[in-house]
Protein backbone atom coordinates (compact mmCIF):
# COMPACT_ATOMS: atom_id res chain seq x y z
CA MET A 1 5.99 -1.74 24.95
CA TYR A 2 9.06 -3.77 24.10
CA ARG A 3 12.17 -3.32 26.24
CA TYR A 4 15.66 -4.38 25.21
CA ASP A 5 17.16 -7.50 26.70
CA THR A 6 20.90 -7.86 27.27
CA TYR A 7 21.41 -9.13 23.74
CA ASP A 8 19.62 -6.13 22.19
CA GLN A 9 21.51 -3.60 24.27
CA THR A 10 24.88 -5.21 23.57
CA LEU A 11 24.18 -5.30 19.85
CA VAL A 12 23.24 -1.62 19.71
CA ASP A 13 26.13 -0.52 21.95
CA GLU A 14 28.62 -2.42 19.82
CA ARG A 15 27.22 -0.84 16.65
CA VAL A 16 27.73 2.62 18.20
CA ALA A 17 31.36 1.81 19.02
CA GLN A 18 31.93 0.41 15.54
CA PHE A 19 30.51 3.48 13.84
CA ARG A 20 32.45 5.82 16.13
CA ASP A 21 35.66 4.23 14.87
CA GLN A 22 34.46 4.37 11.25
CA MET A 23 33.60 8.05 11.60
CA ARG A 24 36.99 8.81 13.16
CA ARG A 25 38.81 7.15 10.27
CA TYR A 26 36.62 8.92 7.72
CA LEU A 27 37.27 12.35 9.23
CA GLU A 28 41.00 11.56 9.30
CA GLY A 29 40.88 10.79 5.57
CA LYS A 30 41.59 7.09 6.02
CA ILE A 31 38.23 6.10 4.50
CA SER A 32 37.06 7.55 1.18
CA ASP A 33 33.59 8.96 0.51
CA GLU A 34 32.83 5.88 -1.58
CA GLU A 35 33.90 3.53 1.20
CA PHE A 36 32.06 5.53 3.86
CA LEU A 37 28.75 5.59 1.97
CA PRO A 38 27.57 2.04 2.82
CA LEU A 39 28.80 2.46 6.39
CA ARG A 40 26.84 5.64 7.05
CA VAL A 41 23.60 4.53 5.37
CA GLN A 42 23.57 1.43 7.57
CA ASN A 43 23.35 3.87 10.47
CA GLY A 44 20.67 6.14 9.01
CA LEU A 45 23.04 8.94 7.99
CA TYR A 46 22.32 10.78 4.73
CA VAL A 47 24.00 13.71 3.02
CA GLN A 48 21.23 16.16 2.19
CA ARG A 49 21.10 19.44 0.30
CA TYR A 50 22.63 21.64 2.99
CA ALA A 51 23.69 19.35 5.82
CA PRO A 52 23.74 15.71 6.94
CA MET A 53 20.43 14.15 7.95
CA LEU A 54 20.09 11.43 10.57
CA ARG A 55 16.99 9.24 10.50
CA ILE A 56 16.19 7.67 13.87
CA ALA A 57 14.16 4.47 14.06
CA ILE A 58 10.89 4.40 15.98
CA PRO A 59 9.88 0.73 15.62
CA TYR A 60 6.24 0.39 14.60
CA GLY A 61 5.65 3.94 15.80
CA MET A 62 5.82 3.26 19.54
CA LEU A 63 7.58 5.68 21.89
CA ALA A 64 7.98 5.79 25.63
CA SER A 65 7.85 9.22 27.23
CA TYR A 66 11.50 9.01 28.32
CA GLN A 67 12.50 8.24 24.73
CA LEU A 68 10.66 11.28 23.37
CA ARG A 69 12.26 13.39 26.09
CA LYS A 70 15.69 12.13 25.02
CA LEU A 71 14.92 12.92 21.37
CA GLY A 72 14.13 16.49 22.43
CA GLU A 73 17.42 16.74 24.33
CA ILE A 74 19.33 15.42 21.32
CA ALA A 75 17.62 17.88 18.96
CA ALA A 76 18.49 20.75 21.28
CA ARG A 77 22.09 19.72 21.84
CA TYR A 78 23.13 18.49 18.40
CA ASP A 79 20.67 20.05 15.95
CA ARG A 80 18.62 23.24 15.67
CA GLY A 81 16.10 22.42 18.35
CA TYR A 82 13.54 20.44 16.40
CA GLY A 83 12.94 17.11 14.64
CA HIS A 84 10.71 15.92 11.81
CA PHE A 85 8.38 12.91 12.07
CA THR A 86 8.08 10.98 8.80
CA THR A 87 5.36 8.89 7.20
CA ARG A 88 7.27 5.78 8.32
CA THR A 89 6.97 7.04 11.91
CA ASN A 90 10.70 7.74 12.20
CA LEU A 91 12.28 11.00 13.39
CA GLN A 92 14.72 12.94 11.22
CA LEU A 93 17.32 15.42 12.39
CA ASN A 94 18.11 17.76 9.51
CA TRP A 95 21.20 19.63 10.77
CA PRO A 96 23.53 17.38 12.79
CA LYS A 97 27.28 17.69 12.38
CA LEU A 98 29.05 14.61 11.06
CA GLU A 99 31.44 14.44 13.97
CA ASP A 100 28.52 14.50 16.45
CA VAL A 101 26.64 11.53 14.99
CA PRO A 102 28.44 8.85 17.07
CA ASP A 103 27.56 10.77 20.23
CA ILE A 104 23.95 11.04 19.07
CA LEU A 105 23.82 7.28 18.49
CA ALA A 106 25.31 6.70 21.95
CA ASP A 107 22.65 8.92 23.53
CA LEU A 108 19.97 7.00 21.62
CA ALA A 109 21.36 3.69 22.81
CA SER A 110 21.03 4.90 26.41
CA VAL A 111 17.23 4.88 25.96
CA GLN A 112 17.00 1.74 23.78
CA MET A 113 16.89 3.53 20.44
CA HIS A 114 19.03 3.50 17.30
CA ALA A 115 19.19 4.47 13.62
CA ILE A 116 19.93 1.00 12.26
CA GLN A 117 18.33 0.11 8.89
CA THR A 118 16.57 3.43 8.49
CA SER A 119 18.31 3.73 5.13
CA GLY A 120 20.06 1.46 2.66
CA ASN A 121 18.87 -1.53 0.66
CA ASP A 122 17.59 -3.53 3.59
CA ILE A 123 14.38 -4.17 5.52
CA ARG A 124 13.25 -0.81 6.87
CA ASN A 125 11.20 0.11 9.92
CA THR A 126 8.00 -1.95 10.07
CA THR A 127 4.88 0.19 10.44
CA THR A 128 1.43 -0.52 11.80
CA ASP A 129 -1.87 0.99 12.93
CA GLN A 130 -1.32 3.88 15.37
CA PHE A 131 -4.26 2.55 17.41
CA SER A 132 -2.95 -1.01 17.65
CA GLY A 133 -3.85 -2.69 20.90
CA ILE A 134 -6.68 -0.28 21.70
CA ALA A 135 -8.87 -0.14 18.56
CA GLY A 136 -12.38 -1.54 18.89
CA ASP A 137 -12.31 -3.05 15.39
CA GLU A 138 -9.11 -5.00 16.02
CA ASP A 139 -9.10 -8.79 15.56
CA VAL A 140 -5.45 -9.28 16.48
CA ASP A 141 -3.02 -6.95 18.23
CA PRO A 142 -0.26 -6.46 15.62
CA ARG A 143 2.40 -5.14 18.00
CA PRO A 144 3.93 -8.50 19.05
CA TRP A 145 4.07 -9.55 15.41
CA CYS A 146 5.77 -6.28 14.48
CA GLU A 147 8.34 -6.89 17.18
CA LEU A 148 9.00 -10.40 15.91
CA ILE A 149 9.54 -8.97 12.42
CA ARG A 150 11.89 -6.34 13.88
CA GLN A 151 13.97 -8.97 15.64
CA TRP A 152 14.03 -11.23 12.58
CA SER A 153 14.92 -8.48 10.11
CA THR A 154 17.53 -6.53 12.10
CA PHE A 155 21.00 -7.42 10.84
CA HIS A 156 19.61 -10.38 8.91
CA PRO A 157 22.80 -11.37 7.04
CA GLU A 158 20.97 -12.58 3.95
CA PHE A 159 19.01 -9.38 3.45
CA ALA A 160 21.57 -6.65 4.20
CA TYR A 161 22.13 -5.87 0.51
CA LEU A 162 18.79 -6.30 -1.24
CA PRO A 163 18.23 -4.96 -4.77
CA ARG A 164 16.45 -1.99 -3.11
CA LYS A 165 14.88 -0.95 0.17
CA PHE A 166 12.07 -3.14 1.53
CA LYS A 167 9.08 -2.01 3.58
CA ILE A 168 6.56 -4.05 5.57
CA ALA A 169 3.25 -2.83 7.04
CA VAL A 170 1.03 -4.75 9.45
CA THR A 171 -2.57 -4.43 10.59
CA GLY A 172 -4.91 -6.52 12.69
CA ALA A 173 -8.04 -4.37 12.35
CA GLU A 174 -11.06 -4.33 10.07
CA GLU A 175 -10.15 -0.84 8.87
CA ASP A 176 -6.70 -0.67 7.32
CA ARG A 177 -4.94 2.27 8.95
CA ALA A 178 -1.48 0.98 8.01
CA ALA A 179 -1.79 1.24 4.20
CA ILE A 180 -0.78 -2.40 3.74
CA GLN A 181 -1.76 -2.43 0.05
CA VAL A 182 0.98 0.03 -0.92
CA HIS A 183 3.92 -1.69 0.75
CA ASP A 184 6.43 -4.23 -0.53
CA VAL A 185 4.72 -6.66 1.83
CA GLY A 186 1.44 -6.01 3.63
CA LEU A 187 0.17 -8.26 6.42
CA ARG A 188 -3.43 -8.47 7.64
CA PHE A 189 -3.84 -10.60 10.78
CA TRP A 190 -7.30 -12.08 11.33
CA ARG A 191 -9.04 -14.94 13.14
CA ASN A 192 -10.92 -17.83 11.58
CA GLU A 193 -14.13 -19.36 12.93
CA ASP A 194 -12.17 -21.35 15.47
CA GLY A 195 -10.42 -18.23 16.76
CA ASP A 196 -7.05 -19.19 15.31
CA VAL A 197 -4.80 -16.38 14.10
CA ARG A 198 -4.20 -16.35 10.36
CA VAL A 199 -2.38 -13.94 8.05
CA LYS A 200 -3.36 -12.48 4.70
CA VAL A 201 -0.14 -11.62 2.84
CA LEU A 202 0.08 -9.03 0.06
CA VAL A 203 3.18 -8.43 -2.01
CA GLY A 204 4.34 -5.97 -4.65
CA GLY A 205 2.73 -2.74 -3.51
CA GLY A 206 4.56 0.55 -3.34
CA LEU A 207 4.65 4.16 -4.42
CA GLY A 208 7.57 6.11 -5.89
CA ARG A 209 8.29 6.30 -9.60
CA THR A 210 6.09 3.31 -10.46
CA PRO A 211 3.19 3.15 -7.98
CA MET A 212 1.35 -0.16 -7.62
CA ILE A 213 -1.29 -1.79 -5.44
CA GLY A 214 -0.11 -5.03 -3.86
CA ALA A 215 -1.54 -8.41 -4.83
CA VAL A 216 -2.59 -11.21 -2.47
CA ILE A 217 -0.02 -13.99 -2.49
CA CYS A 218 -1.53 -15.94 0.42
CA ASP A 219 -4.82 -15.24 2.18
CA ASP A 220 -4.79 -17.91 4.89
CA LEU A 221 -1.29 -18.33 6.29
CA PRO A 222 -1.07 -19.98 9.74
CA TRP A 223 0.70 -17.63 12.14
CA GLN A 224 3.37 -20.21 12.92
CA HIS A 225 4.79 -19.74 9.42
CA LEU A 226 4.94 -15.94 9.34
CA LEU A 227 8.73 -15.58 9.40
CA THR A 228 9.49 -18.52 7.13
CA TYR A 229 7.02 -17.26 4.53
CA LEU A 230 8.45 -13.74 4.71
CA GLU A 231 11.90 -15.22 4.32
CA ALA A 232 10.79 -17.11 1.22
CA ILE A 233 9.44 -13.89 -0.32
CA LEU A 234 12.68 -12.05 0.44
CA ARG A 235 14.77 -14.85 -0.99
CA VAL A 236 12.88 -14.78 -4.28
CA TYR A 237 13.27 -11.01 -4.44
CA ASN A 238 16.94 -11.16 -3.50
CA GLN A 239 17.64 -13.73 -6.20
CA TYR A 240 15.54 -12.37 -9.08
CA GLY A 241 15.13 -8.65 -8.34
CA ARG A 242 16.91 -6.34 -10.76
CA ARG A 243 20.19 -4.78 -9.71
CA ASP A 244 21.12 -3.14 -13.02
CA ASN A 245 18.62 -0.28 -12.70
CA LYS A 246 17.66 1.17 -9.30
CA PHE A 247 14.43 2.56 -10.76
CA LYS A 248 13.32 -0.98 -11.59
CA ALA A 249 14.76 -2.73 -8.56
CA ARG A 250 11.81 -2.74 -6.14
CA ILE A 251 9.93 -5.99 -5.58
CA LYS A 252 6.80 -4.52 -7.22
CA ILE A 253 8.64 -4.52 -10.57
CA LEU A 254 9.54 -8.18 -10.16
CA VAL A 255 5.98 -9.13 -9.19
CA LYS A 256 4.64 -7.20 -12.18
CA ALA A 257 7.14 -8.81 -14.56
CA LEU A 258 6.54 -12.36 -13.36
CA GLY A 259 2.86 -12.05 -12.54
CA ILE A 260 1.51 -12.86 -9.10
CA ASP A 261 0.90 -16.53 -9.94
CA GLU A 262 4.51 -17.14 -10.99
CA PHE A 263 5.84 -15.11 -8.07
CA ARG A 264 3.68 -17.22 -5.75
CA ARG A 265 4.96 -20.42 -7.34
CA ARG A 266 8.58 -19.39 -6.79
CA THR A 267 7.83 -18.31 -3.23
CA GLU A 268 6.11 -21.61 -2.44
CA ALA A 269 9.08 -23.51 -3.92
CA GLU A 270 11.48 -21.55 -1.73
CA TRP A 271 9.20 -21.91 1.27
CA ALA A 272 9.33 -25.69 0.91
CA HIS A 273 12.93 -25.51 2.17
CA LEU A 274 11.99 -23.31 5.13
CA LYS A 275 8.55 -24.47 6.27
CA ASP A 276 8.56 -26.18 9.68
CA GLY A 277 12.22 -25.26 10.08
CA PRO A 278 13.96 -23.53 13.02
CA GLN A 279 12.22 -20.19 12.41
CA THR A 280 8.74 -21.68 12.74
CA LEU A 281 7.02 -19.75 15.50
CA THR A 282 5.76 -21.40 18.67
CA ASP A 283 3.25 -20.49 21.36
CA GLU A 284 6.16 -19.90 23.73
CA ALA A 285 7.84 -17.46 21.32
CA ILE A 286 4.64 -15.49 20.83
CA SER A 287 3.89 -15.40 24.55
CA ALA A 288 7.40 -14.16 25.33
CA VAL A 289 7.06 -11.20 22.98
CA ALA A 290 3.39 -10.52 23.77
CA GLY A 291 4.38 -10.29 27.43
CA HIS A 292 6.01 -6.95 26.69
CA PHE A 293 2.70 -5.48 25.50
CA VAL A 294 0.70 -5.65 28.69
CA GLU A 295 -2.35 -3.58 29.46
CA PRO A 296 -1.52 -0.43 31.46
CA PRO A 297 -2.87 -0.19 35.03
CA ARG A 298 -6.03 1.64 33.98
CA ARG A 299 -8.32 2.72 36.78
CA ASP A 300 -12.06 2.43 36.42
CA VAL A 301 -13.89 5.46 35.04
CA THR A 302 -17.35 5.86 36.53
CA GLU A 303 -20.51 6.19 34.50
CA ASP A 304 -21.07 9.60 36.11
CA ALA A 305 -17.66 10.73 34.77
CA ILE A 306 -18.54 9.47 31.28
CA GLN A 307 -21.84 11.35 31.36
CA ALA A 308 -20.11 14.52 32.57
CA TYR A 309 -17.71 14.24 29.63
CA GLU A 310 -20.62 13.94 27.20
CA ARG A 311 -22.36 16.93 28.78
CA LEU A 312 -19.24 19.06 28.39
CA ARG A 313 -19.03 17.98 24.79
CA GLY A 314 -22.60 19.11 24.27
CA GLU A 315 -22.14 22.44 26.05
CA ASN A 316 -18.71 23.58 24.82
CA ARG A 317 -18.56 23.91 21.04
CA THR A 318 -14.78 24.33 20.91
CA PHE A 319 -14.19 21.27 23.06
CA ALA A 320 -16.72 19.33 20.99
CA ARG A 321 -14.82 20.10 17.79
CA PHE A 322 -11.61 18.84 19.36
CA VAL A 323 -13.27 15.61 20.47
CA THR A 324 -14.97 15.01 17.14
CA ASN A 325 -11.78 15.34 15.12
CA ASN A 326 -8.89 14.48 17.42
CA VAL A 327 -10.32 11.89 19.80
CA THR A 328 -10.76 8.22 18.86
CA ASP A 329 -12.86 5.58 20.59
CA HIS A 330 -11.09 3.03 22.79
CA LYS A 331 -11.81 -0.64 23.40
CA VAL A 332 -12.05 0.13 27.14
CA PRO A 333 -15.12 2.13 28.23
CA GLY A 334 -14.20 5.48 29.74
CA TYR A 335 -10.95 5.80 27.79
CA LYS A 336 -10.04 7.49 24.51
CA ALA A 337 -7.02 7.89 22.25
CA VAL A 338 -6.09 11.52 21.55
CA THR A 339 -4.25 12.67 18.43
CA LEU A 340 -1.95 15.66 18.92
CA SER A 341 -1.79 17.73 15.77
CA LEU A 342 1.68 18.63 14.46
CA LYS A 343 0.17 20.74 11.66
CA ARG A 344 0.67 24.34 12.75
CA HIS A 345 1.15 27.31 10.43
CA ASP A 346 4.37 28.33 12.15
CA HIS A 347 5.92 24.86 11.74
CA SER A 348 6.50 22.52 8.83
CA PRO A 349 4.03 19.58 8.91
CA GLY A 350 5.45 16.85 11.14
CA ASP A 351 7.99 19.13 12.85
CA VAL A 352 8.15 19.37 16.62
CA THR A 353 10.49 21.45 18.76
CA SER A 354 12.68 20.19 21.59
CA GLU A 355 10.56 22.10 24.09
CA ASP A 356 7.37 20.57 22.75
CA MET A 357 8.87 17.07 22.82
CA ALA A 358 9.63 17.53 26.50
CA ALA A 359 6.14 18.92 27.14
CA VAL A 360 4.43 16.06 25.29
CA ALA A 361 6.56 13.54 27.18
CA ASP A 362 5.26 15.09 30.40
CA LEU A 363 1.69 14.82 29.11
CA ALA A 364 2.23 11.15 28.28
CA ASP A 365 3.42 10.50 31.83
CA GLU A 366 0.54 12.42 33.32
CA PHE A 367 -2.34 11.34 31.08
CA SER A 368 -1.38 8.16 29.16
CA TYR A 369 0.80 5.85 31.26
CA GLY A 370 3.99 7.10 29.65
CA GLU A 371 3.24 5.85 26.13
CA LEU A 372 2.91 7.60 22.77
CA ARG A 373 2.47 6.64 19.14
CA VAL A 374 3.71 8.33 15.98
CA THR A 375 1.23 8.25 13.10
CA HIS A 376 1.63 7.76 9.38
CA GLU A 377 0.01 11.21 9.08
CA GLN A 378 2.92 12.77 11.01
CA ASN A 379 1.06 13.38 14.26
CA LEU A 380 1.39 12.01 17.81
CA VAL A 381 -1.11 9.97 19.81
CA LEU A 382 -1.73 9.55 23.53
CA THR A 383 -3.34 6.12 23.69
CA ASP A 384 -5.00 5.80 27.10
CA VAL A 385 -6.66 8.99 28.28
CA PRO A 386 -9.54 8.68 30.77
CA VAL A 387 -12.47 10.87 29.76
CA ASP A 388 -12.64 12.55 33.17
CA ARG A 389 -9.25 14.14 32.37
CA MET A 390 -9.97 15.02 28.77
CA GLU A 391 -10.86 18.66 29.41
CA GLU A 392 -7.64 19.22 31.35
CA LEU A 393 -5.57 17.57 28.60
CA TRP A 394 -7.32 19.64 25.94
CA GLN A 395 -6.50 22.86 27.76
CA ARG A 396 -2.85 21.86 28.07
CA LEU A 397 -2.73 21.01 24.37
CA GLU A 398 -4.27 24.38 23.53
CA THR A 399 -1.38 26.04 25.32
CA LEU A 400 1.10 23.98 23.27
CA GLY A 401 -0.70 24.67 19.99
CA MET A 402 -1.39 20.95 19.46
CA ALA A 403 -5.14 20.97 19.97
CA ASN A 404 -5.92 22.01 16.39
CA PRO A 405 -9.28 20.28 15.84
CA THR A 406 -8.40 19.44 12.26
CA VAL A 407 -7.22 15.82 12.27
CA GLY A 408 -8.60 14.08 9.19
CA THR A 409 -9.41 17.33 7.41
CA LEU A 410 -7.74 19.16 4.53
CA ALA A 411 -5.54 20.99 7.06
CA ASP A 412 -4.10 17.70 8.34
CA LEU A 413 -1.99 17.28 5.23
CA ILE A 414 1.02 15.02 4.80
CA CYS A 415 4.19 16.69 3.56
CA CYS A 416 7.78 15.57 2.97
CA PRO A 417 10.69 17.98 3.72
CA GLY A 418 11.07 18.66 -0.03
CA GLY A 419 13.56 21.02 -1.60
CA ASP A 420 14.14 22.96 1.61
CA TYR A 421 16.25 20.01 2.81
CA CYS A 422 16.35 17.02 0.50
CA SER A 423 18.94 16.80 -2.28
CA LEU A 424 16.65 14.51 -4.28
CA ALA A 425 13.70 16.91 -4.36
CA ASN A 426 12.65 18.63 -7.55
CA ALA A 427 10.62 21.28 -5.75
CA LYS A 428 9.78 22.61 -2.31
CA SER A 429 6.92 21.04 -0.39
CA ILE A 430 6.75 22.98 2.84
CA PRO A 431 5.83 26.43 1.43
CA VAL A 432 3.05 24.86 -0.64
CA ALA A 433 1.69 23.09 2.43
CA GLN A 434 1.75 26.28 4.48
CA GLU A 435 0.02 28.30 1.78
CA ILE A 436 -2.77 25.72 1.58
CA GLN A 437 -3.14 25.66 5.37
CA GLN A 438 -3.37 29.45 5.50
CA ARG A 439 -5.90 29.68 2.67
CA PHE A 440 -8.18 27.00 4.09
CA GLU A 441 -8.05 27.63 7.83
CA ASP A 442 -11.72 28.38 8.46
CA LEU A 443 -12.93 25.51 10.61
CA ASP A 444 -16.54 25.64 9.44
CA PHE A 445 -15.36 25.31 5.85
CA LEU A 446 -13.01 22.43 6.71
CA TYR A 447 -15.75 20.56 8.55
CA ASP A 448 -18.18 21.14 5.72
CA LEU A 449 -15.71 19.53 3.32
CA GLY A 450 -15.54 16.43 5.51
CA PRO A 451 -12.73 13.86 5.45
CA LEU A 452 -10.14 14.92 2.90
CA GLU A 453 -6.55 13.71 2.59
CA LEU A 454 -4.04 15.95 0.82
CA ASN A 455 -0.50 14.64 0.42
CA ILE A 456 2.53 16.50 -0.94
CA SER A 457 5.82 15.06 -2.26
CA GLY A 458 8.80 17.02 -3.50
CA CYS A 459 9.90 14.33 -5.97
CA MET A 460 8.96 10.98 -7.48
CA ASN A 461 10.30 9.09 -4.48
CA ALA A 462 6.89 9.93 -2.98
CA CYS A 463 7.95 10.31 0.66
CA GLY A 464 4.76 12.36 1.07
CA HIS A 465 2.68 9.52 -0.39
CA HIS A 466 1.00 11.82 -2.93
CA HIS A 467 -0.19 8.84 -5.00
CA VAL A 468 -2.66 7.81 -2.29
CA GLY A 469 -3.91 11.26 -1.30
CA HIS A 470 -7.48 12.13 -2.20
CA ILE A 471 -5.64 15.11 -3.64
CA GLY A 472 -1.97 14.54 -4.37
CA ILE A 473 0.65 17.18 -5.17
CA LEU A 474 3.98 16.25 -6.75
CA GLY A 475 6.86 18.68 -7.23
CA VAL A 476 8.46 18.38 -10.69
CA ASP A 477 11.33 20.17 -12.40
CA LYS A 478 10.89 21.84 -15.78
CA LYS A 479 14.11 23.32 -17.11
CA GLY A 480 15.20 24.38 -13.66
CA GLU A 481 11.82 25.75 -12.56
CA GLU A 482 9.56 24.30 -9.88
CA TYR A 483 6.19 23.03 -11.08
CA TYR A 484 3.52 20.95 -9.38
CA GLN A 485 1.50 18.07 -10.75
CA ILE A 486 -1.93 17.40 -9.25
CA SER A 487 -3.58 13.97 -8.96
CA LEU A 488 -7.03 12.99 -7.69
CA GLY A 489 -8.71 9.89 -6.31
CA GLY A 490 -5.94 8.23 -4.34
CA SER A 491 -6.75 6.30 -1.17
CA GLN A 492 -4.77 4.26 1.36
CA GLY A 493 -7.49 2.36 3.24
CA ASN A 494 -9.35 -0.87 2.64
CA GLU A 495 -10.16 0.23 -0.90
CA SER A 496 -6.75 1.58 -1.79
CA SER A 497 -6.37 3.34 -5.11
CA LEU A 498 -3.77 5.38 -6.94
CA GLY A 499 -4.58 8.94 -7.92
CA LYS A 500 -4.94 9.94 -11.57
CA ILE A 501 -3.03 12.92 -12.89
CA LEU A 502 -5.30 15.90 -13.51
CA GLY A 503 -3.33 17.29 -16.45
CA PRO A 504 -0.37 19.60 -17.13
CA SER A 505 1.51 20.82 -14.06
CA PHE A 506 1.17 24.26 -12.47
CA TYR A 507 3.42 27.08 -11.32
CA ARG A 508 3.89 27.16 -7.57
CA GLU A 509 1.91 30.38 -7.18
CA ASP A 510 -1.09 28.74 -8.87
CA VAL A 511 -1.31 25.61 -6.74
CA THR A 512 -3.51 26.97 -3.95
CA ASN A 513 -5.96 28.44 -6.46
CA VAL A 514 -6.11 25.08 -8.22
CA ILE A 515 -6.98 23.38 -4.93
CA ASP A 516 -9.71 25.98 -4.43
CA LYS A 517 -11.18 25.19 -7.85
CA LEU A 518 -11.13 21.46 -7.15
CA LEU A 519 -12.97 21.97 -3.88
CA LYS A 520 -15.61 24.10 -5.60
CA VAL A 521 -16.30 21.29 -8.04
CA TYR A 522 -16.67 18.87 -5.16
CA VAL A 523 -19.00 21.14 -3.19
CA GLY A 524 -21.10 21.76 -6.28
CA GLU A 525 -21.35 18.13 -7.36
CA ARG A 526 -21.61 16.19 -4.11
CA THR A 527 -24.76 14.56 -2.86
CA PRO A 528 -25.70 14.55 0.84
CA ASP A 529 -23.22 12.61 3.00
CA GLU A 530 -20.73 12.18 0.14
CA THR A 531 -17.04 12.65 0.90
CA PHE A 532 -14.58 14.10 -1.60
CA LEU A 533 -13.45 10.59 -2.50
CA ASP A 534 -17.04 9.39 -2.92
CA THR A 535 -17.81 12.27 -5.27
CA TYR A 536 -14.65 11.75 -7.30
CA ARG A 537 -15.36 8.04 -7.71
CA ARG A 538 -18.90 8.80 -8.85
CA ILE A 539 -18.25 11.63 -11.33
CA GLY A 540 -14.66 10.87 -12.35
CA LEU A 541 -11.80 13.16 -13.30
CA LYS A 542 -13.40 15.04 -16.19
CA PRO A 543 -15.50 17.64 -14.30
CA PHE A 544 -12.54 18.60 -12.12
CA LYS A 545 -10.23 18.88 -15.10
CA GLU A 546 -12.66 20.96 -17.14
CA HIS A 547 -13.13 23.47 -14.33
CA VAL A 548 -9.43 23.82 -13.49
CA TYR A 549 -8.24 24.25 -17.07
CA ALA A 550 -11.19 26.30 -18.34
């Protein structure tokens, strides 16, 4: 994975020193709240419902074991002993003290981490496929391209004060695991018949108050022009995006207003000034970055070891369930990627304690060459586990409570912090998530349901991505009371779609029963081998609505 050079480290260290001085002056009353606001958001510091919140960047979801270990130490020393992984693969601390934040940033800098551009109207953390570099269906490894985007976008002087926040997602695989269609810009890297890398560029996707699926602005961009084309898109947005109304300020609103053809025309006109300029990428530039993403020193796994692994899977039902749901095929024979579930009943979805961070860091060192990934679904991944050590890893994960064989099922739900923490939330998310997990915890039932994505957001900002859940739950406020709106049919993959609202919202105590009714309709209506999403797309909303509101 990428390691800082002297320039990177100096930049981050200087930012820490700068913010330390800004914090000192703020606490001494020499800087007003209004003046401090843009300074703190540039460093990922929010003021939440009960306490400050610090959002720490995890670029394109990649973590080294020593970085995760440091995050655990920080959570124990400066917070309440846990952190929360988000759908943008960042980590949030929900209870730091204001005066401690400069020290936290200094500790982060010591392990090549920061909180820069995790908030504010700038280019946020770029996200990608959690299996990048190891997936069998991958045409192009997106990690070097993500790193180039990170370097280009960090402290870009022209894009520090955009009309609103800006999010980029990247994939290089046949199956879109990065949800590129619901981002401000989505990038799909592919190879043409000659083996040359090309880029399909989508623009204008996004969730929140006005959810939209992105449109293709260019489907055959030569890789050399990636940064100049992105810059052209950002320039058009920066010039024409609305600044008079923050609810209409995202690029999706501009694309919708202009139409994709006119937006493309303006982008191409802007690009004419940038194409073939200094930011045009070269083979040398790509090789320099790609050199950071080298293959780990994997040892050979014998065919006998692979067969023994398959026998154990056939003989041990509990182990087999873990493998089926939490283990993903690897491009290298004899290796697998293992997803560690952070969806336990005694924790909020995506939360992990300091002790568990240290334990997982140890597992990464022991089983996966010191590397981890954070997933969009708020889980962790060990990317390079040899199958002859899978049983041992599974047993260790059982002890930690992270071997829940439920990845990809209803129990693997996505959930934002909601009203328990966030000052923007209309309703609580975590209690609803826990009630659903407790009601539907029977593994046989979960497996019978098949793949099912349930996403929960506490407000229209859609941090829980409820719009693209097969079942989406949105917290709404009605005269000071918490209600929940249900949507069906969302999807974030190759055939992305936005869920449709079922009907009037429900009291909190009714939500789990509503989910039960929806599942009964699915079970009763499905044909063999149909998933929930398949059944919904075949029969539509009406049968679900009739049963729930009968």
